[in-house]
Amino acid sequence: MSVVEQHARAHIFTEDVPDDVGAVPVVLRYDSLQDPRAVMVDLPGPHEWTFPRSLLEQGLRAPAGSGDVRVWPCGRVQAVIEFHSTRGVSVVQLDTKAVLRFLKRTYRASPAAVAHG
């Protein structure tokens, strides 16, 4: 299997809508044929972000950032992914368990990518 999708619920905060509107569906996606070192996050609407899988993993343990994406742990059970664009900043808060489950599935789908980054 080269494509892994993990559906999750997340709280999203943006500059346009700073108040939490409740949990919304997001999709974590990995395609080892497209890029074995990258993951994608699909937010509601036409918002998809692609960034290094290693950044997602590192950000679960300590604050990490690369370009327009930053990831950090938020307490023991939440993770935050912050996306910067010309439209502003979006902050996505997810359950750490969902992200860990997704990462484990990506490594099972593409074990060769583990050795390369």
PDB file of N, CA and C in Angstrom:
ATOM      1  N   MET A   1       0.848  -1.181   0.000  1.00  0.00           N
ATOM      2  CA  MET A   1       0.000   0.000   0.000  1.00  0.00           C
ATOM      3  C   MET A   1       0.892   1.242   0.000  1.00  0.00           C
ATOM      4  N   SER A   2       0.677   2.139  -0.936  1.00  0.00           N
ATOM      5  CA  SER A   2       1.518   3.327  -1.006  1.00  0.00           C
ATOM      6  C   SER A   2       0.820   4.573  -0.478  1.00  0.00           C
ATOM      7  N   VAL A   3      -0.510   4.559  -0.379  1.00  0.00           N
ATOM      8  CA  VAL A   3      -1.247   5.723   0.113  1.00  0.00           C
ATOM      9  C   VAL A   3      -1.868   5.394   1.465  1.00  0.00           C
ATOM     10  N   VAL A   4      -1.650   6.289   2.412  1.00  0.00           N
ATOM     11  CA  VAL A   4      -2.227   6.154   3.747  1.00  0.00           C
ATOM     12  C   VAL A   4      -3.043   7.410   4.013  1.00  0.00           C
ATOM     13  N   GLU A   5      -4.280   7.225   4.448  1.00  0.00           N
ATOM     14  CA  GLU A   5      -5.114   8.349   4.861  1.00  0.00           C
ATOM     15  C   GLU A   5      -5.598   8.116   6.278  1.00  0.00           C
ATOM     16  N   GLN A   6      -5.521   9.144   7.074  1.00  0.00           N
ATOM     17  CA  GLN A   6      -6.009   9.098   8.447  1.00  0.00           C
ATOM     18  C   GLN A   6      -6.996  10.253   8.604  1.00  0.00           C
ATOM     19  N   HIS A   7      -8.252   9.923   8.817  1.00  0.00           N
ATOM     20  CA  HIS A   7      -9.261  10.948   9.071  1.00  0.00           C
ATOM     21  C   HIS A   7      -9.212  11.286  10.551  1.00  0.00           C
ATOM     22  N   ALA A   8      -9.291  12.565  10.839  1.00  0.00           N
ATOM     23  CA  ALA A   8      -9.222  13.025  12.231  1.00  0.00           C
ATOM     24  C   ALA A   8     -10.133  14.234  12.387  1.00  0.00           C
ATOM     25  N   ARG A   9     -10.339  14.588  13.624  1.00  0.00           N
ATOM     26  CA  ARG A   9     -11.082  15.812  13.918  1.00  0.00           C
ATOM     27  C   ARG A   9     -10.096  16.782  14.549  1.00  0.00           C
ATOM     28  N   ALA A  10     -10.221  18.038  14.176  1.00  0.00           N
ATOM     29  CA  ALA A  10      -9.275  19.039  14.657  1.00  0.00           C
ATOM     30  C   ALA A  10      -9.999  20.340  14.972  1.00  0.00           C
ATOM     31  N   HIS A  11      -9.408  21.094  15.839  1.00  0.00           N
ATOM     32  CA  HIS A  11      -9.869  22.454  16.107  1.00  0.00           C
ATOM     33  C   HIS A  11      -8.966  23.365  15.280  1.00  0.00           C
ATOM     34  N   ILE A  12      -9.567  24.262  14.524  1.00  0.00           N
ATOM     35  CA  ILE A  12      -8.799  25.148  13.643  1.00  0.00           C
ATOM     36  C   ILE A  12      -9.064  26.591  14.036  1.00  0.00           C
ATOM     37  N   PHE A  13      -7.983  27.320  14.193  1.00  0.00           N
ATOM     38  CA  PHE A  13      -8.052  28.737  14.511  1.00  0.00           C
ATOM     39  C   PHE A  13      -7.358  29.498  13.389  1.00  0.00           C
ATOM     40  N   THR A  14      -8.001  30.531  12.851  1.00  0.00           N
ATOM     41  CA  THR A  14      -7.389  31.357  11.812  1.00  0.00           C
ATOM     42  C   THR A  14      -7.531  32.816  12.211  1.00  0.00           C
ATOM     43  N   GLU A  15      -6.833  33.673  11.493  1.00  0.00           N
ATOM     44  CA  GLU A  15      -6.959  35.097  11.763  1.00  0.00           C
ATOM     45  C   GLU A  15      -8.354  35.588  11.402  1.00  0.00           C
ATOM     46  N   ASP A  16      -8.990  34.948  10.384  1.00  0.00           N
ATOM     47  CA  ASP A  16     -10.342  35.333   9.988  1.00  0.00           C
ATOM     48  C   ASP A  16     -11.381  34.907  11.024  1.00  0.00           C
ATOM     49  N   VAL A  17     -11.193  33.726  11.599  1.00  0.00           N
ATOM     50  CA  VAL A  17     -12.119  33.169  12.578  1.00  0.00           C
ATOM     51  C   VAL A  17     -11.301  32.748  13.800  1.00  0.00           C
ATOM     52  N   PRO A  18     -10.969  33.687  14.687  1.00  0.00           N
ATOM     53  CA  PRO A  18     -10.090  33.370  15.806  1.00  0.00           C
ATOM     54  C   PRO A  18     -10.724  32.475  16.864  1.00  0.00           C
ATOM     55  N   ASP A  19     -12.054  32.424  16.926  1.00  0.00           N
ATOM     56  CA  ASP A  19     -12.711  31.601  17.945  1.00  0.00           C
ATOM     57  C   ASP A  19     -12.862  30.174  17.450  1.00  0.00           C
ATOM     58  N   ASP A  20     -12.746  29.244  18.356  1.00  0.00           N
ATOM     59  CA  ASP A  20     -12.907  27.834  18.042  1.00  0.00           C
ATOM     60  C   ASP A  20     -14.363  27.575  17.653  1.00  0.00           C
ATOM     61  N   VAL A  21     -14.578  27.012  16.463  1.00  0.00           N
ATOM     62  CA  VAL A  21     -15.932  26.701  16.011  1.00  0.00           C
ATOM     63  C   VAL A  21     -16.261  25.234  16.255  1.00  0.00           C
ATOM     64  N   GLY A  22     -15.434  24.551  17.009  1.00  0.00           N
ATOM     65  CA  GLY A  22     -15.634  23.128  17.276  1.00  0.00           C
ATOM     66  C   GLY A  22     -14.758  22.289  16.373  1.00  0.00           C
ATOM     67  N   ALA A  23     -14.773  21.006  16.610  1.00  0.00           N
ATOM     68  CA  ALA A  23     -13.928  20.092  15.834  1.00  0.00           C
ATOM     69  C   ALA A  23     -14.472  19.938  14.411  1.00  0.00           C
ATOM     70  N   VAL A  24     -13.562  19.962  13.458  1.00  0.00           N
ATOM     71  CA  VAL A  24     -13.915  19.787  12.049  1.00  0.00           C
ATOM     72  C   VAL A  24     -13.089  18.635  11.483  1.00  0.00           C
ATOM     73  N   PRO A  25     -13.556  18.005  10.407  1.00  0.00           N
ATOM     74  CA  PRO A  25     -12.797  16.894   9.832  1.00  0.00           C
ATOM     75  C   PRO A  25     -11.575  17.381   9.061  1.00  0.00           C
ATOM     76  N   VAL A  26     -10.463  16.692   9.243  1.00  0.00           N
ATOM     77  CA  VAL A  26      -9.246  16.912   8.470  1.00  0.00           C
ATOM     78  C   VAL A  26      -8.748  15.542   8.016  1.00  0.00           C
ATOM     79  N   VAL A  27      -7.906  15.535   7.007  1.00  0.00           N
ATOM     80  CA  VAL A  27      -7.343  14.283   6.516  1.00  0.00           C
ATOM     81  C   VAL A  27      -5.828  14.406   6.486  1.00  0.00           C
ATOM     82  N   LEU A  28      -5.160  13.463   7.137  1.00  0.00           N
ATOM     83  CA  LEU A  28      -3.707  13.336   7.052  1.00  0.00           C
ATOM     84  C   LEU A  28      -3.452  12.329   5.942  1.00  0.00           C
ATOM     85  N   ARG A  29      -2.591  12.667   4.984  1.00  0.00           N
ATOM     86  CA  ARG A  29      -2.375  11.801   3.840  1.00  0.00           C
ATOM     87  C   ARG A  29      -0.882  11.612   3.583  1.00  0.00           C
ATOM     88  N   TYR A  30      -0.556  10.415   3.139  1.00  0.00           N
ATOM     89  CA  TYR A  30       0.822  10.058   2.797  1.00  0.00           C
ATOM     90  C   TYR A  30       0.776   9.225   1.529  1.00  0.00           C
ATOM     91  N   ASP A  31       1.629   9.563   0.571  1.00  0.00           N
ATOM     92  CA  ASP A  31       1.717   8.810  -0.681  1.00  0.00           C
ATOM     93  C   ASP A  31       3.190   8.544  -0.952  1.00  0.00           C
ATOM     94  N   SER A  32       3.621   7.311  -0.697  1.00  0.00           N
ATOM     95  CA  SER A  32       5.043   6.983  -0.833  1.00  0.00           C
ATOM     96  C   SER A  32       5.513   7.056  -2.279  1.00  0.00           C
ATOM     97  N   LEU A  33       4.611   6.906  -3.234  1.00  0.00           N
ATOM     98  CA  LEU A  33       5.010   7.010  -4.641  1.00  0.00           C
ATOM     99  C   LEU A  33       5.200   8.462  -5.054  1.00  0.00           C
ATOM    100  N   GLN A  34       4.402   9.351  -4.497  1.00  0.00           N
ATOM    101  CA  GLN A  34       4.521  10.775  -4.817  1.00  0.00           C
ATOM    102  C   GLN A  34       5.776  11.369  -4.173  1.00  0.00           C
ATOM    103  N   ASP A  35       5.946  11.144  -2.854  1.00  0.00           N
ATOM    104  CA  ASP A  35       7.129  11.623  -2.134  1.00  0.00           C
ATOM    105  C   ASP A  35       7.199  10.878  -0.802  1.00  0.00           C
ATOM    106  N   PRO A  36       8.124   9.927  -0.667  1.00  0.00           N
ATOM    107  CA  PRO A  36       8.183   9.124   0.560  1.00  0.00           C
ATOM    108  C   PRO A  36       8.626   9.899   1.793  1.00  0.00           C
ATOM    109  N   ARG A  37       9.027  11.132   1.630  1.00  0.00           N
ATOM    110  CA  ARG A  37       9.478  11.922   2.785  1.00  0.00           C
ATOM    111  C   ARG A  37       8.482  12.987   3.206  1.00  0.00           C
ATOM    112  N   ALA A  38       7.317  13.040   2.538  1.00  0.00           N
ATOM    113  CA  ALA A  38       6.365  14.119   2.807  1.00  0.00           C
ATOM    114  C   ALA A  38       5.016  13.580   3.263  1.00  0.00           C
ATOM    115  N   VAL A  39       4.318  14.408   4.026  1.00  0.00           N
ATOM    116  CA  VAL A  39       2.942  14.151   4.420  1.00  0.00           C
ATOM    117  C   VAL A  39       2.107  15.353   3.982  1.00  0.00           C
ATOM    118  N   MET A  40       0.808  15.136   3.850  1.00  0.00           N
ATOM    119  CA  MET A  40      -0.106  16.203   3.479  1.00  0.00           C
ATOM    120  C   MET A  40      -1.196  16.308   4.532  1.00  0.00           C
ATOM    121  N   VAL A  41      -1.643  17.515   4.775  1.00  0.00           N
ATOM    122  CA  VAL A  41      -2.777  17.753   5.658  1.00  0.00           C
ATOM    123  C   VAL A  41      -3.822  18.500   4.842  1.00  0.00           C
ATOM    124  N   ASP A  42      -4.998  17.881   4.709  1.00  0.00           N
ATOM    125  CA  ASP A  42      -6.128  18.510   4.025  1.00  0.00           C
ATOM    126  C   ASP A  42      -7.040  19.132   5.071  1.00  0.00           C
ATOM    127  N   LEU A  43      -7.194  20.445   4.990  1.00  0.00           N
ATOM    128  CA  LEU A  43      -8.101  21.162   5.878  1.00  0.00           C
ATOM    129  C   LEU A  43      -9.408  21.398   5.126  1.00  0.00           C
ATOM    130  N   PRO A  44     -10.486  21.742   5.818  1.00  0.00           N
ATOM    131  CA  PRO A  44     -11.732  22.039   5.114  1.00  0.00           C
ATOM    132  C   PRO A  44     -11.524  23.136   4.070  1.00  0.00           C
ATOM    133  N   GLY A  45     -12.198  22.986   2.972  1.00  0.00           N
ATOM    134  CA  GLY A  45     -12.030  23.926   1.867  1.00  0.00           C
ATOM    135  C   GLY A  45     -10.842  23.504   1.020  1.00  0.00           C
ATOM    136  N   PRO A  46     -10.366  24.387   0.185  1.00  0.00           N
ATOM    137  CA  PRO A  46      -9.271  24.024  -0.731  1.00  0.00           C
ATOM    138  C   PRO A  46      -7.891  24.218  -0.118  1.00  0.00           C
ATOM    139  N   HIS A  47      -7.719  23.784   1.100  1.00  0.00           N
ATOM    140  CA  HIS A  47      -6.459  24.018   1.800  1.00  0.00           C
ATOM    141  C   HIS A  47      -5.737  22.698   2.042  1.00  0.00           C
ATOM    142  N   GLU A  48      -4.675  22.471   1.290  1.00  0.00           N
ATOM    143  CA  GLU A  48      -3.845  21.285   1.495  1.00  0.00           C
ATOM    144  C   GLU A  48      -2.407  21.741   1.681  1.00  0.00           C
ATOM    145  N   TRP A  49      -1.772  21.189   2.699  1.00  0.00           N
ATOM    146  CA  TRP A  49      -0.394  21.524   3.005  1.00  0.00           C
ATOM    147  C   TRP A  49       0.458  20.271   2.901  1.00  0.00           C
ATOM    148  N   THR A  50       1.627  20.415   2.300  1.00  0.00           N
ATOM    149  CA  THR A  50       2.582  19.312   2.210  1.00  0.00           C
ATOM    150  C   THR A  50       3.861  19.751   2.905  1.00  0.00           C
ATOM    151  N   PHE A  51       4.401  18.866   3.745  1.00  0.00           N
ATOM    152  CA  PHE A  51       5.617  19.194   4.476  1.00  0.00           C
ATOM    153  C   PHE A  51       6.316  17.899   4.872  1.00  0.00           C
ATOM    154  N   PRO A  52       7.563  17.972   5.340  1.00  0.00           N
ATOM    155  CA  PRO A  52       8.325  16.759   5.662  1.00  0.00           C
ATOM    156  C   PRO A  52       7.675  15.912   6.761  1.00  0.00           C
ATOM    157  N   ARG A  53       7.624  14.628   6.521  1.00  0.00           N
ATOM    158  CA  ARG A  53       7.104  13.691   7.526  1.00  0.00           C
ATOM    159  C   ARG A  53       7.942  13.781   8.801  1.00  0.00           C
ATOM    160  N   SER A  54       9.247  13.971   8.662  1.00  0.00           N
ATOM    161  CA  SER A  54      10.126  14.075   9.833  1.00  0.00           C
ATOM    162  C   SER A  54       9.752  15.273  10.704  1.00  0.00           C
ATOM    163  N   LEU A  55       9.273  16.353  10.098  1.00  0.00           N
ATOM    164  CA  LEU A  55       8.853  17.534  10.859  1.00  0.00           C
ATOM    165  C   LEU A  55       7.644  17.193  11.732  1.00  0.00           C
ATOM    166  N   LEU A  56       6.707  16.444  11.181  1.00  0.00           N
ATOM    167  CA  LEU A  56       5.537  16.044  11.960  1.00  0.00           C
ATOM    168  C   LEU A  56       5.960  15.189  13.146  1.00  0.00           C
ATOM    169  N   GLU A  57       6.859  14.259  12.920  1.00  0.00           N
ATOM    170  CA  GLU A  57       7.332  13.383  13.992  1.00  0.00           C
ATOM    171  C   GLU A  57       8.109  14.163  15.054  1.00  0.00           C
ATOM    172  N   GLN A  58       9.023  15.027  14.635  1.00  0.00           N
ATOM    173  CA  GLN A  58       9.815  15.813  15.578  1.00  0.00           C
ATOM    174  C   GLN A  58       8.932  16.729  16.414  1.00  0.00           C
ATOM    175  N   GLY A  59       7.926  17.311  15.770  1.00  0.00           N
ATOM    176  CA  GLY A  59       7.056  18.268  16.444  1.00  0.00           C
ATOM    177  C   GLY A  59       6.169  17.651  17.513  1.00  0.00           C
ATOM    178  N   LEU A  60       6.049  16.335  17.533  1.00  0.00           N
ATOM    179  CA  LEU A  60       5.279  15.689  18.596  1.00  0.00           C
ATOM    180  C   LEU A  60       6.060  15.652  19.906  1.00  0.00           C
ATOM    181  N   ARG A  61       7.398  15.779  19.813  1.00  0.00           N
ATOM    182  CA  ARG A  61       8.254  15.719  21.008  1.00  0.00           C
ATOM    183  C   ARG A  61       8.700  17.090  21.489  1.00  0.00           C
ATOM    184  N   ALA A  62       8.934  18.000  20.550  1.00  0.00           N
ATOM    185  CA  ALA A  62       9.430  19.338  20.883  1.00  0.00           C
ATOM    186  C   ALA A  62       9.098  20.264  19.720  1.00  0.00           C
ATOM    187  N   PRO A  63       9.034  21.568  19.949  1.00  0.00           N
ATOM    188  CA  PRO A  63       8.723  22.482  18.858  1.00  0.00           C
ATOM    189  C   PRO A  63       9.694  22.309  17.690  1.00  0.00           C
ATOM    190  N   ALA A  64       9.131  22.262  16.472  1.00  0.00           N
ATOM    191  CA  ALA A  64       9.929  22.102  15.263  1.00  0.00           C
ATOM    192  C   ALA A  64       9.286  22.944  14.167  1.00  0.00           C
ATOM    193  N   GLY A  65      10.100  23.433  13.249  1.00  0.00           N
ATOM    194  CA  GLY A  65       9.562  24.240  12.169  1.00  0.00           C
ATOM    195  C   GLY A  65      10.406  24.156  10.921  1.00  0.00           C
ATOM    196  N   SER A  66       9.751  24.340   9.800  1.00  0.00           N
ATOM    197  CA  SER A  66      10.429  24.338   8.506  1.00  0.00           C
ATOM    198  C   SER A  66       9.610  25.192   7.556  1.00  0.00           C
ATOM    199  N   GLY A  67      10.184  26.297   7.108  1.00  0.00           N
ATOM    200  CA  GLY A  67       9.457  27.161   6.182  1.00  0.00           C
ATOM    201  C   GLY A  67       8.182  27.705   6.790  1.00  0.00           C
ATOM    202  N   ASP A  68       7.055  27.432   6.139  1.00  0.00           N
ATOM    203  CA  ASP A  68       5.769  27.972   6.566  1.00  0.00           C
ATOM    204  C   ASP A  68       5.004  27.059   7.515  1.00  0.00           C
ATOM    205  N   VAL A  69       5.651  25.996   7.998  1.00  0.00           N
ATOM    206  CA  VAL A  69       4.964  25.025   8.863  1.00  0.00           C
ATOM    207  C   VAL A  69       5.732  24.868  10.167  1.00  0.00           C
ATOM    208  N   ARG A  70       4.985  24.892  11.265  1.00  0.00           N
ATOM    209  CA  ARG A  70       5.555  24.649  12.584  1.00  0.00           C
ATOM    210  C   ARG A  70       4.681  23.627  13.297  1.00  0.00           C
ATOM    211  N   VAL A  71       5.311  22.750  14.073  1.00  0.00           N
ATOM    212  CA  VAL A  71       4.594  21.704  14.802  1.00  0.00           C
ATOM    213  C   VAL A  71       5.139  21.675  16.227  1.00  0.00           C
ATOM    214  N   TRP A  72       4.238  21.506  17.200  1.00  0.00           N
ATOM    215  CA  TRP A  72       4.707  21.370  18.575  1.00  0.00           C
ATOM    216  C   TRP A  72       3.669  20.601  19.405  1.00  0.00           C
ATOM    217  N   PRO A  73       4.161  19.979  20.499  1.00  0.00           N
ATOM    218  CA  PRO A  73       3.227  19.305  21.403  1.00  0.00           C
ATOM    219  C   PRO A  73       2.465  20.344  22.214  1.00  0.00           C
ATOM    220  N   CYS A  74       1.236  20.010  22.561  1.00  0.00           N
ATOM    221  CA  CYS A  74       0.407  20.905  23.368  1.00  0.00           C
ATOM    222  C   CYS A  74      -0.161  20.063  24.502  1.00  0.00           C
ATOM    223  N   GLY A  75       0.548  20.026  25.609  1.00  0.00           N
ATOM    224  CA  GLY A  75       0.165  19.141  26.697  1.00  0.00           C
ATOM    225  C   GLY A  75       0.503  17.700  26.341  1.00  0.00           C
ATOM    226  N   ARG A  76      -0.133  16.766  27.014  1.00  0.00           N
ATOM    227  CA  ARG A  76       0.177  15.357  26.789  1.00  0.00           C
ATOM    228  C   ARG A  76      -0.628  14.716  25.670  1.00  0.00           C
ATOM    229  N   VAL A  77      -1.765  15.313  25.306  1.00  0.00           N
ATOM    230  CA  VAL A  77      -2.657  14.619  24.367  1.00  0.00           C
ATOM    231  C   VAL A  77      -2.953  15.388  23.085  1.00  0.00           C
ATOM    232  N   GLN A  78      -2.392  16.565  22.936  1.00  0.00           N
ATOM    233  CA  GLN A  78      -2.668  17.374  21.748  1.00  0.00           C
ATOM    234  C   GLN A  78      -1.372  17.740  21.031  1.00  0.00           C
ATOM    235  N   ALA A  79      -1.498  17.950  19.731  1.00  0.00           N
ATOM    236  CA  ALA A  79      -0.403  18.458  18.914  1.00  0.00           C
ATOM    237  C   ALA A  79      -0.942  19.634  18.118  1.00  0.00           C
ATOM    238  N   VAL A  80      -0.075  20.586  17.847  1.00  0.00           N
ATOM    239  CA  VAL A  80      -0.471  21.771  17.093  1.00  0.00           C
ATOM    240  C   VAL A  80       0.373  21.849  15.826  1.00  0.00           C
ATOM    241  N   ILE A  81      -0.304  22.128  14.721  1.00  0.00           N
ATOM    242  CA  ILE A  81       0.381  22.393  13.459  1.00  0.00           C
ATOM    243  C   ILE A  81      -0.032  23.800  13.045  1.00  0.00           C
ATOM    244  N   GLU A  82       0.945  24.634  12.791  1.00  0.00           N
ATOM    245  CA  GLU A  82       0.694  26.033  12.429  1.00  0.00           C
ATOM    246  C   GLU A  82       1.153  26.241  10.994  1.00  0.00           C
ATOM    247  N   PHE A  83       0.245  26.757  10.166  1.00  0.00           N
ATOM    248  CA  PHE A  83       0.528  26.988   8.754  1.00  0.00           C
ATOM    249  C   PHE A  83       0.507  28.486   8.471  1.00  0.00           C
ATOM    250  N   HIS A  84       1.547  28.985   7.800  1.00  0.00           N
ATOM    251  CA  HIS A  84       1.634  30.397   7.435  1.00  0.00           C
ATOM    252  C   HIS A  84       1.508  30.525   5.925  1.00  0.00           C
ATOM    253  N   SER A  85       0.652  31.438   5.473  1.00  0.00           N
ATOM    254  CA  SER A  85       0.504  31.688   4.042  1.00  0.00           C
ATOM    255  C   SER A  85       0.259  33.171   3.834  1.00  0.00           C
ATOM    256  N   THR A  86       0.135  33.571   2.584  1.00  0.00           N
ATOM    257  CA  THR A  86      -0.159  34.973   2.285  1.00  0.00           C
ATOM    258  C   THR A  86      -1.549  35.363   2.790  1.00  0.00           C
ATOM    259  N   ARG A  87      -2.421  34.371   3.015  1.00  0.00           N
ATOM    260  CA  ARG A  87      -3.765  34.634   3.538  1.00  0.00           C
ATOM    261  C   ARG A  87      -3.774  34.764   5.053  1.00  0.00           C
ATOM    262  N   GLY A  88      -2.662  34.431   5.701  1.00  0.00           N
ATOM    263  CA  GLY A  88      -2.598  34.526   7.152  1.00  0.00           C
ATOM    264  C   GLY A  88      -2.095  33.241   7.780  1.00  0.00           C
ATOM    265  N   VAL A  89      -2.460  33.042   9.037  1.00  0.00           N
ATOM    266  CA  VAL A  89      -1.994  31.901   9.818  1.00  0.00           C
ATOM    267  C   VAL A  89      -3.189  31.025  10.179  1.00  0.00           C
ATOM    268  N   SER A  90      -3.011  29.720  10.038  1.00  0.00           N
ATOM    269  CA  SER A  90      -3.999  28.749  10.502  1.00  0.00           C
ATOM    270  C   SER A  90      -3.327  27.870  11.539  1.00  0.00           C
ATOM    271  N   VAL A  91      -3.985  27.702  12.671  1.00  0.00           N
ATOM    272  CA  VAL A  91      -3.481  26.856  13.745  1.00  0.00           C
ATOM    273  C   VAL A  91      -4.434  25.675  13.885  1.00  0.00           C
ATOM    274  N   VAL A  92      -3.880  24.468  13.753  1.00  0.00           N
ATOM    275  CA  VAL A  92      -4.676  23.246  13.776  1.00  0.00           C
ATOM    276  C   VAL A  92      -4.267  22.434  14.998  1.00  0.00           C
ATOM    277  N   GLN A  93      -5.233  22.099  15.835  1.00  0.00           N
ATOM    278  CA  GLN A  93      -4.967  21.327  17.049  1.00  0.00           C
ATOM    279  C   GLN A  93      -5.613  19.947  16.899  1.00  0.00           C
ATOM    280  N   LEU A  94      -4.776  18.889  16.994  1.00  0.00           N
ATOM    281  CA  LEU A  94      -5.216  17.507  16.800  1.00  0.00           C
ATOM    282  C   LEU A  94      -4.860  16.654  18.003  1.00  0.00           C
ATOM    283  N   ASP A  95      -5.535  15.522  18.122  1.00  0.00           N
ATOM    284  CA  ASP A  95      -5.153  14.545  19.132  1.00  0.00           C
ATOM    285  C   ASP A  95      -3.841  13.893  18.728  1.00  0.00           C
ATOM    286  N   THR A  96      -2.901  13.852  19.646  1.00  0.00           N
ATOM    287  CA  THR A  96      -1.595  13.246  19.380  1.00  0.00           C
ATOM    288  C   THR A  96      -1.748  11.781  18.970  1.00  0.00           C
ATOM    289  N   LYS A  97      -2.691  11.066  19.577  1.00  0.00           N
ATOM    290  CA  LYS A  97      -2.880   9.650  19.239  1.00  0.00           C
ATOM    291  C   LYS A  97      -3.204   9.464  17.759  1.00  0.00           C
ATOM    292  N   ALA A  98      -4.020  10.329  17.195  1.00  0.00           N
ATOM    293  CA  ALA A  98      -4.364  10.223  15.774  1.00  0.00           C
ATOM    294  C   ALA A  98      -3.130  10.448  14.907  1.00  0.00           C
ATOM    295  N   VAL A  99      -2.296  11.413  15.285  1.00  0.00           N
ATOM    296  CA  VAL A  99      -1.083  11.700  14.516  1.00  0.00           C
ATOM    297  C   VAL A  99      -0.098  10.537  14.627  1.00  0.00           C
ATOM    298  N   LEU A 100       0.077  10.000  15.828  1.00  0.00           N
ATOM    299  CA  LEU A 100       0.973   8.852  16.012  1.00  0.00           C
ATOM    300  C   LEU A 100       0.500   7.640  15.220  1.00  0.00           C
ATOM    301  N   ARG A 101      -0.801   7.378  15.247  1.00  0.00           N
ATOM    302  CA  ARG A 101      -1.368   6.258  14.489  1.00  0.00           C
ATOM    303  C   ARG A 101      -1.085   6.436  12.991  1.00  0.00           C
ATOM    304  N   PHE A 102      -1.262   7.668  12.515  1.00  0.00           N
ATOM    305  CA  PHE A 102      -0.981   7.981  11.117  1.00  0.00           C
ATOM    306  C   PHE A 102       0.491   7.747  10.788  1.00  0.00           C
ATOM    307  N   LEU A 103       1.393   8.265  11.621  1.00  0.00           N
ATOM    308  CA  LEU A 103       2.823   8.096  11.355  1.00  0.00           C
ATOM    309  C   LEU A 103       3.218   6.621  11.330  1.00  0.00           C
ATOM    310  N   LYS A 104       2.709   5.837  12.268  1.00  0.00           N
ATOM    311  CA  LYS A 104       3.021   4.398  12.282  1.00  0.00           C
ATOM    312  C   LYS A 104       2.566   3.736  10.993  1.00  0.00           C
ATOM    313  N   ARG A 105       1.394   4.112  10.511  1.00  0.00           N
ATOM    314  CA  ARG A 105       0.893   3.541   9.259  1.00  0.00           C
ATOM    315  C   ARG A 105       1.758   3.955   8.071  1.00  0.00           C
ATOM    316  N   THR A 106       2.287   5.186   8.087  1.00  0.00           N
ATOM    317  CA  THR A 106       3.141   5.619   6.964  1.00  0.00           C
ATOM    318  C   THR A 106       4.441   4.827   6.938  1.00  0.00           C
ATOM    319  N   TYR A 107       4.989   4.530   8.108  1.00  0.00           N
ATOM    320  CA  TYR A 107       6.238   3.773   8.146  1.00  0.00           C
ATOM    321  C   TYR A 107       6.020   2.319   7.748  1.00  0.00           C
ATOM    322  N   ARG A 108       4.855   1.789   8.036  1.00  0.00           N
ATOM    323  CA  ARG A 108       4.545   0.433   7.566  1.00  0.00           C
ATOM    324  C   ARG A 108       4.369   0.432   6.049  1.00  0.00           C
ATOM    325  N   ALA A 109       3.814   1.488   5.501  1.00  0.00           N
ATOM    326  CA  ALA A 109       3.571   1.572   4.063  1.00  0.00           C
ATOM    327  C   ALA A 109       4.860   1.759   3.277  1.00  0.00           C
ATOM    328  N   SER A 110       5.841   2.396   3.892  1.00  0.00           N
ATOM    329  CA  SER A 110       7.080   2.700   3.186  1.00  0.00           C
ATOM    330  C   SER A 110       8.275   2.576   4.129  1.00  0.00           C
ATOM    331  N   PRO A 111       8.637   1.348   4.511  1.00  0.00           N
ATOM    332  CA  PRO A 111       9.756   1.184   5.438  1.00  0.00           C
ATOM    333  C   PRO A 111      11.067   1.669   4.868  1.00  0.00           C
ATOM    334  N   ALA A 112      11.240   1.644   3.563  1.00  0.00           N
ATOM    335  CA  ALA A 112      12.489   2.096   2.949  1.00  0.00           C
ATOM    336  C   ALA A 112      12.696   3.594   3.179  1.00  0.00           C
ATOM    337  N   ALA A 113      11.618   4.346   3.268  1.00  0.00           N
ATOM    338  CA  ALA A 113      11.727   5.801   3.491  1.00  0.00           C
ATOM    339  C   ALA A 113      12.250   6.106   4.878  1.00  0.00           C
ATOM    340  N   VAL A 114      12.099   5.191   5.830  1.00  0.00           N
ATOM    341  CA  VAL A 114      12.587   5.403   7.185  1.00  0.00           C
ATOM    342  C   VAL A 114      14.088   5.579   7.169  1.00  0.00           C
ATOM    343  N   ALA A 115      14.781   4.743   6.437  1.00  0.00           N
ATOM    344  CA  ALA A 115      16.243   4.779   6.395  1.00  0.00           C
ATOM    345  C   ALA A 115      16.769   6.033   5.703  1.00  0.00           C
ATOM    346  N   HIS A 116      15.941   6.647   4.863  1.00  0.00           N
ATOM    347  CA  HIS A 116      16.396   7.808   4.106  1.00  0.00           C
ATOM    348  C   HIS A 116      15.914   9.118   4.704  1.00  0.00           C
ATOM    349  N   GLY A 117      15.183   9.118   5.741  1.00  0.00           N
ATOM    350  CA  GLY A 117      14.808  10.382   6.309  1.00  0.00           C
ATOM    351  C   GLY A 117      13.460  10.383   6.847  1.00  0.00           C
TER     352      GLY A 117
END
